[in-house]
Amino acid sequence: MTAIPPIDLTEQFKSIQSEVNAAVTEVLASGKYINGPIVQTFAKAFGAYIGTPECVVCNSGTDALYLALRALNIGPGDEVITSPFTFIATAETISAVGATPVFVDIDLDTFNLDCSKVEAAISDRTRAIIPVHLFGRPVDMDQVMAIANRHHLKVIEDCAQATGAEWQNRRVGSIGHIGCFSFFPTKNLGGCGDGGAVTTHDPELAATMTMLAEHGSRVKYHHEAIGINSRLDSVQAAILNIKLRYLDRWNQARAEVASRYHQLLQGVDGLALPQAEPTGKAVWNQYTLRFTAPAPEGSLRDQVRQTLMDAGIISMVYYPIPLHRQPVYQFLGYAPGSLPNAELAAQQVLSLPMFPELALEQQTQVAQGLKQALRTVELPAPQFC
């Protein structure tokens, strides 16, 4: 059998190779490699796609979060509520501006922030909420915005894995005060290097983020704040501008891949499959399931993953250690078991191969391999009293 990677970017490139080659060659011939006209063309097109009048492009999704926090004047002494089950950049940027991340447990069905637990975490120091639209599945933004409005908090949407996802027919990144996006190559809209963007309806916030991304300068050599150097280069903008035109098609293909996984794995004992939210539109950056059969910590998932790997099927674990249990955040004092759903998910989740070009034959191979692995792994013997 042919090996199946977790993501394959080569087929996507083949489908747009001639367009990309022409666009990149045009940028190289122009000599306008930084802040060239194609950068602003892409920023305008991306903002229009998300549904916001303002879009500021930058170097990465991490920088997007940092710029958003800085623009909202969040810093030392402030607290920001977010999920413990996400990539560290979400919390890392909160720490980078001097604020304190406050972790709220997740919903095991969606892996997203459990909105019913957010208000209990709000203190007089809370300034913002960062919901993470994890794995391409949107957070219940109605609940998030209602909570934020009641407590006069800002909402920064972490949309790194969810470009094109929707909640109640509104694209994520257009619902909160600021949306933050990553164009890392494996994202739904991925470049050929790092890249990011922030979206907002507020022109003043956009102007502030633009200033901060340009070394704290609105006028060259006049610096009003300590900023950073965070730019999307013209080559990446040219590539992303092409890919944006295909994004909805690719996201639909991802949805079809997810639907096929549902069909192939429905009813398999010991698996909890991800389900699309009825009032949201997922874009399936990952297809992440859980192993629910009883087993020692992490062992069933890890045995299955190794068995799949031996069969040439490469799966991924996002994320093996929740943020509140990371060494860097031990000082916050979260004890083992304090956020049980995030900790359980970290032991049980596995992300299967997912990309728009994944063929039915490949998915069938994955499903058969997964079922075979579940039959052959060593489960613990039942305990009798």
Foldseek 3Di string as FASTA:
>chain_A
DAFDELEDCPVVCVVCVVQLVVLLVVVVVVVQWFPDPLQVVLQCVLLVLQPARFKDKWFFLLLQLLLLCVLLVQAAQAEEEEALQAPCSNQVSCVVRHYHYDHAFPDLQQNWHPLVGVVVRDDPRYAAYETECPQQADDQLVSVVVSCVVVVHFYEYECAQHQPKWFQPHHPQERTQKYKYWQPQLHLQHFPHTMIMMGHNDPSSSLSSNCQCCQQDPDPPDHDDRHHPIGDISSRSSRSVVVVVCSVVFLVLLVVLLVLLCVLCPPQPQKDWHDHDPRMGGSRSWGKIWGRDDAPFLPLVVQLQVLCVVVSWHKDQRPLDGNCRDPVNVVVPQDVPNRVSSNRSSSTMITGRTGSPQDPVNSNVVSVSSSVSNVPDDGDDDDDD
